[in-house]
Structure formats: structure tokens, C-alpha cells
């Protein structure tokens, strides 16, 4: 099961500013579930709902990706495409991303 794999991953700063590569709707959903309650907004709700729909297969992965990018830009955590991450900095999903800005 690909859980809505994106054509290209989205790199987001998590924790203390470490880059994490989000490759599918399930990883995006996990990131948004971990987002601090006090920092959640309407944009968070929209992105979370898009991820849920993407995981269920009701929304295409690129729509989920675009929603995640908009959320990340709004929260100033998006790493624009600048090339591959240096070796060893890809935090990936499920890597203890519990601390956000």
C-alpha cells in the first residue's frame, strides 16, 4: 500500500529545524497529528482532512501534496527544492518529530 505516494517528496523543518522528507499522505498525516494543539489553525484542519482523504484514496496524492506545501509555507517550515538533503539529515516519518516551532 503506498498511502498516497507523492510524485516528489516535500521537505519540512521539524523539531529544532531538522529537515524531514515527507513522501506520502500517511507521513503527512502523522506530521499534522503531532502538530501542537495550541498552534493548530484552519489551515491545519484543511491539510489534515486532505491527508485523511488521501490515505483513504478519496483525494489524489498531488492534491494532498499541494495542501501540505501550502500549510508548510503558511507556517514557515517548508524547505524549497534546493536539491537532495545531505546524507544523514533525512528525518523521515516516525522519527520522533514531536517538537515544533
N, C-alpha and C. Protein backbone atom coordinates (compact mmCIF):
# COMPACT_ATOMS: atom_id res chain seq x y z
N UNK A 1 0.86 -1.19 0.00
CA UNK A 1 0.00 0.00 0.00
C UNK A 1 0.90 1.24 0.00
N UNK A 2 0.63 2.19 -0.90
CA UNK A 2 1.50 3.35 -1.00
C UNK A 2 1.02 4.55 -0.19
N UNK A 3 -0.18 4.48 0.37
CA UNK A 3 -0.71 5.57 1.21
C UNK A 3 -0.61 6.92 0.52
N UNK A 4 -0.88 6.99 -0.75
CA UNK A 4 -0.90 8.26 -1.46
C UNK A 4 0.48 8.83 -1.70
N UNK A 5 1.38 8.03 -2.27
CA UNK A 5 2.76 8.48 -2.50
C UNK A 5 2.80 9.68 -3.43
N UNK A 6 3.59 10.70 -3.05
CA UNK A 6 3.75 11.91 -3.84
C UNK A 6 4.71 11.65 -5.00
N UNK A 7 4.55 12.39 -6.10
CA UNK A 7 5.50 12.29 -7.20
C UNK A 7 6.88 12.75 -6.77
N UNK A 8 6.91 13.79 -5.94
CA UNK A 8 8.17 14.28 -5.36
C UNK A 8 7.92 14.54 -3.89
N UNK A 9 8.88 14.19 -3.02
CA UNK A 9 8.68 14.42 -1.59
C UNK A 9 8.66 15.91 -1.25
N UNK A 10 8.11 16.21 -0.10
CA UNK A 10 8.08 17.57 0.43
C UNK A 10 9.01 17.58 1.64
N UNK A 11 9.93 18.54 1.68
CA UNK A 11 10.85 18.63 2.81
C UNK A 11 10.37 19.75 3.73
N UNK A 12 10.22 19.38 5.00
CA UNK A 12 9.68 20.27 6.03
C UNK A 12 10.63 20.30 7.21
N UNK A 13 10.77 21.47 7.81
CA UNK A 13 11.59 21.58 9.02
C UNK A 13 10.77 21.16 10.22
N UNK A 14 11.32 20.26 11.02
CA UNK A 14 10.63 19.76 12.21
C UNK A 14 11.55 19.90 13.42
N UNK A 15 10.98 19.73 14.59
CA UNK A 15 11.78 19.75 15.81
C UNK A 15 12.55 21.05 15.94
N UNK A 16 13.84 20.92 16.05
CA UNK A 16 14.72 22.07 16.20
C UNK A 16 15.24 22.55 14.84
N UNK A 17 14.41 22.40 13.82
CA UNK A 17 14.78 22.87 12.49
C UNK A 17 15.43 21.80 11.63
N UNK A 18 15.22 20.54 11.97
CA UNK A 18 15.78 19.45 11.18
C UNK A 18 14.86 19.15 9.99
N UNK A 19 15.45 18.91 8.82
CA UNK A 19 14.61 18.61 7.65
C UNK A 19 14.08 17.18 7.70
N UNK A 20 12.82 17.04 7.36
CA UNK A 20 12.19 15.73 7.24
C UNK A 20 11.56 15.63 5.87
N UNK A 21 11.80 14.55 5.19
CA UNK A 21 11.25 14.34 3.85
C UNK A 21 9.94 13.58 3.99
N UNK A 22 8.85 14.22 3.57
CA UNK A 22 7.51 13.63 3.63
C UNK A 22 7.21 13.11 2.23
N UNK A 23 6.98 11.79 2.12
CA UNK A 23 6.84 11.17 0.81
C UNK A 23 5.43 10.73 0.46
N UNK A 24 4.52 10.74 1.43
CA UNK A 24 3.17 10.27 1.12
C UNK A 24 2.16 10.85 2.11
N UNK A 25 0.90 10.59 1.83
CA UNK A 25 -0.18 11.15 2.64
C UNK A 25 -0.14 10.65 4.07
N UNK A 26 0.26 9.41 4.30
CA UNK A 26 0.32 8.86 5.65
C UNK A 26 1.38 9.59 6.49
N UNK A 27 2.54 9.84 5.90
CA UNK A 27 3.58 10.58 6.61
C UNK A 27 3.13 12.01 6.90
N UNK A 28 2.46 12.63 5.94
CA UNK A 28 1.95 13.98 6.15
C UNK A 28 0.91 13.99 7.26
N UNK A 29 0.05 12.99 7.27
CA UNK A 29 -0.97 12.87 8.32
C UNK A 29 -0.31 12.73 9.69
N UNK A 30 0.71 11.90 9.79
CA UNK A 30 1.41 11.72 11.07
C UNK A 30 2.03 13.03 11.54
N UNK A 31 2.64 13.76 10.62
CA UNK A 31 3.24 15.05 10.98
C UNK A 31 2.17 16.01 11.52
N UNK A 32 1.05 16.08 10.84
CA UNK A 32 -0.01 17.00 11.26
C UNK A 32 -0.68 16.56 12.55
N UNK A 33 -0.77 15.26 12.79
CA UNK A 33 -1.32 14.77 14.05
C UNK A 33 -0.44 15.18 15.22
N UNK A 34 0.88 15.26 14.99
CA UNK A 34 1.83 15.64 16.04
C UNK A 34 1.92 17.15 16.25
N UNK A 35 1.28 17.92 15.38
CA UNK A 35 1.35 19.38 15.46
C UNK A 35 0.75 19.85 16.79
N UNK A 36 1.41 20.77 17.50
CA UNK A 36 0.90 21.23 18.80
C UNK A 36 -0.52 21.81 18.71
N UNK A 37 -1.35 21.42 19.64
CA UNK A 37 -2.76 21.84 19.64
C UNK A 37 -2.89 23.36 19.66
N UNK A 38 -2.05 24.04 20.40
CA UNK A 38 -2.15 25.50 20.50
C UNK A 38 -1.75 26.22 19.23
N UNK A 39 -1.07 25.52 18.31
CA UNK A 39 -0.64 26.14 17.06
C UNK A 39 -1.51 25.69 15.87
N UNK A 40 -2.55 24.95 16.14
CA UNK A 40 -3.43 24.49 15.05
C UNK A 40 -4.34 25.61 14.61
N UNK A 41 -4.66 25.61 13.33
CA UNK A 41 -5.48 26.67 12.74
C UNK A 41 -6.40 26.04 11.70
N UNK A 42 -7.13 26.89 11.00
CA UNK A 42 -7.96 26.41 9.91
C UNK A 42 -7.12 25.74 8.84
N UNK A 43 -5.93 26.28 8.57
CA UNK A 43 -5.04 25.69 7.57
C UNK A 43 -4.61 24.29 8.00
N UNK A 44 -4.40 24.10 9.27
CA UNK A 44 -4.04 22.78 9.79
C UNK A 44 -5.19 21.80 9.56
N UNK A 45 -6.41 22.24 9.85
CA UNK A 45 -7.58 21.38 9.68
C UNK A 45 -7.75 20.99 8.22
N UNK A 46 -7.59 21.93 7.32
CA UNK A 46 -7.73 21.64 5.89
C UNK A 46 -6.67 20.62 5.46
N UNK A 47 -5.43 20.84 5.86
CA UNK A 47 -4.35 19.94 5.49
C UNK A 47 -4.56 18.55 6.09
N UNK A 48 -4.96 18.49 7.34
CA UNK A 48 -5.20 17.21 7.99
C UNK A 48 -6.32 16.44 7.30
N UNK A 49 -7.40 17.13 6.96
CA UNK A 49 -8.51 16.48 6.27
C UNK A 49 -8.10 15.99 4.88
N UNK A 50 -7.27 16.77 4.20
CA UNK A 50 -6.77 16.34 2.88
C UNK A 50 -5.94 15.07 3.03
N UNK A 51 -5.12 15.01 4.07
CA UNK A 51 -4.29 13.82 4.30
C UNK A 51 -5.16 12.60 4.59
N UNK A 52 -6.17 12.78 5.43
CA UNK A 52 -7.09 11.67 5.73
C UNK A 52 -7.73 11.16 4.44
N UNK A 53 -8.20 12.08 3.61
CA UNK A 53 -8.82 11.70 2.35
C UNK A 53 -7.82 11.04 1.41
N UNK A 54 -6.57 11.50 1.43
CA UNK A 54 -5.53 10.89 0.61
C UNK A 54 -5.22 9.48 1.05
N UNK A 55 -5.14 9.26 2.34
CA UNK A 55 -4.88 7.91 2.86
C UNK A 55 -6.02 6.97 2.48
N UNK A 56 -7.24 7.49 2.53
CA UNK A 56 -8.42 6.68 2.18
C UNK A 56 -8.55 6.46 0.67
N UNK A 57 -7.77 7.21 -0.11
CA UNK A 57 -7.85 7.09 -1.56
C UNK A 57 -8.93 7.94 -2.19
N UNK A 58 -9.50 8.85 -1.41
CA UNK A 58 -10.57 9.71 -1.91
C UNK A 58 -10.04 10.98 -2.59
N UNK A 59 -8.78 11.32 -2.35
CA UNK A 59 -8.15 12.51 -2.93
C UNK A 59 -6.82 12.05 -3.51
N UNK A 60 -6.46 12.57 -4.68
CA UNK A 60 -5.21 12.15 -5.29
C UNK A 60 -4.01 12.69 -4.51
N UNK A 61 -2.89 11.97 -4.54
CA UNK A 61 -1.72 12.34 -3.77
C UNK A 61 -1.18 13.75 -4.06
N UNK A 62 -1.29 14.21 -5.29
CA UNK A 62 -0.75 15.53 -5.61
C UNK A 62 -1.60 16.65 -5.02
N UNK A 63 -2.88 16.42 -4.82
CA UNK A 63 -3.72 17.39 -4.12
C UNK A 63 -3.31 17.46 -2.65
N UNK A 64 -3.07 16.29 -2.06
CA UNK A 64 -2.58 16.25 -0.67
C UNK A 64 -1.25 16.98 -0.57
N UNK A 65 -0.35 16.71 -1.52
CA UNK A 65 0.97 17.34 -1.51
C UNK A 65 0.84 18.87 -1.59
N UNK A 66 -0.01 19.35 -2.48
CA UNK A 66 -0.19 20.80 -2.63
C UNK A 66 -0.75 21.42 -1.34
N UNK A 67 -1.65 20.72 -0.69
CA UNK A 67 -2.22 21.21 0.57
C UNK A 67 -1.16 21.24 1.65
N UNK A 68 -0.32 20.21 1.71
CA UNK A 68 0.77 20.17 2.69
C UNK A 68 1.76 21.30 2.44
N UNK A 69 2.09 21.54 1.18
CA UNK A 69 3.00 22.64 0.85
C UNK A 69 2.42 23.98 1.29
N UNK A 70 1.15 24.20 1.03
CA UNK A 70 0.51 25.46 1.45
C UNK A 70 0.55 25.61 2.96
N UNK A 71 0.27 24.53 3.68
CA UNK A 71 0.33 24.57 5.15
C UNK A 71 1.75 24.87 5.62
N UNK A 72 2.73 24.20 5.02
CA UNK A 72 4.12 24.40 5.42
C UNK A 72 4.60 25.83 5.13
N UNK A 73 4.22 26.36 4.00
CA UNK A 73 4.58 27.76 3.68
C UNK A 73 3.96 28.72 4.69
N UNK A 74 2.71 28.49 5.00
CA UNK A 74 2.00 29.36 5.94
C UNK A 74 2.67 29.35 7.32
N UNK A 75 3.26 28.22 7.67
CA UNK A 75 3.90 28.07 8.97
C UNK A 75 5.42 28.22 8.91
N UNK A 76 5.93 28.64 7.75
CA UNK A 76 7.34 28.91 7.53
C UNK A 76 8.23 27.71 7.89
N UNK A 77 7.79 26.50 7.47
CA UNK A 77 8.59 25.31 7.73
C UNK A 77 8.92 24.54 6.45
N UNK A 78 8.56 25.11 5.30
CA UNK A 78 8.82 24.45 4.03
C UNK A 78 10.26 24.70 3.61
N UNK A 79 10.94 23.63 3.21
CA UNK A 79 12.26 23.74 2.60
C UNK A 79 12.03 23.68 1.10
N UNK A 80 12.28 24.79 0.42
CA UNK A 80 12.09 24.83 -1.03
C UNK A 80 13.06 23.86 -1.69
N UNK A 81 12.71 23.37 -2.87
CA UNK A 81 13.56 22.42 -3.59
C UNK A 81 14.91 23.05 -3.88
N UNK A 82 15.90 22.60 -3.14
CA UNK A 82 17.26 23.10 -3.33
C UNK A 82 18.21 21.96 -3.63
N UNK A 83 17.66 20.79 -3.94
CA UNK A 83 18.49 19.62 -4.20
C UNK A 83 18.34 18.62 -3.07
N UNK A 84 19.08 17.53 -3.15
CA UNK A 84 18.96 16.47 -2.14
C UNK A 84 19.50 16.93 -0.79
N UNK A 85 18.94 16.33 0.26
CA UNK A 85 19.45 16.60 1.61
C UNK A 85 20.80 15.95 1.77
N UNK A 86 21.69 16.55 2.59
CA UNK A 86 22.96 15.90 2.87
C UNK A 86 22.71 14.55 3.55
N UNK A 87 23.60 13.62 3.33
CA UNK A 87 23.47 12.28 3.90
C UNK A 87 23.32 12.37 5.42
N UNK A 88 22.33 11.62 5.92
CA UNK A 88 22.14 11.55 7.37
C UNK A 88 21.20 12.59 7.93
N UNK A 89 20.61 13.49 7.09
CA UNK A 89 19.72 14.51 7.62
C UNK A 89 18.27 14.26 7.30
N UNK A 90 17.97 13.18 6.61
CA UNK A 90 16.58 12.87 6.27
C UNK A 90 15.91 12.23 7.47
N UNK A 91 15.11 13.02 8.19
CA UNK A 91 14.49 12.53 9.41
C UNK A 91 13.43 11.48 9.12
N UNK A 92 12.72 11.61 7.99
CA UNK A 92 11.72 10.63 7.61
C UNK A 92 10.57 10.55 8.58
N UNK A 93 9.64 9.67 8.31
CA UNK A 93 8.44 9.54 9.14
C UNK A 93 8.75 8.73 10.38
N UNK A 94 8.03 9.06 11.45
CA UNK A 94 8.14 8.30 12.67
C UNK A 94 9.47 8.45 13.36
N UNK A 95 10.09 9.61 13.24
CA UNK A 95 11.42 9.77 13.82
C UNK A 95 11.40 10.67 15.05
N UNK A 96 10.29 10.69 15.74
CA UNK A 96 10.23 11.48 16.97
C UNK A 96 10.05 12.94 16.72
N UNK A 97 9.27 13.30 15.72
CA UNK A 97 9.07 14.70 15.37
C UNK A 97 8.01 15.30 16.28
N UNK A 98 8.23 15.33 17.56
CA UNK A 98 7.20 15.80 18.46
C UNK A 98 7.39 17.24 18.88
N UNK A 99 8.50 17.85 18.54
CA UNK A 99 8.77 19.22 18.95
C UNK A 99 8.76 20.12 17.73
N UNK A 100 7.84 21.10 17.72
CA UNK A 100 7.70 22.01 16.59
C UNK A 100 8.00 23.43 17.04
N UNK A 101 8.19 24.33 16.08
CA UNK A 101 8.45 25.74 16.43
C UNK A 101 7.34 26.35 17.22
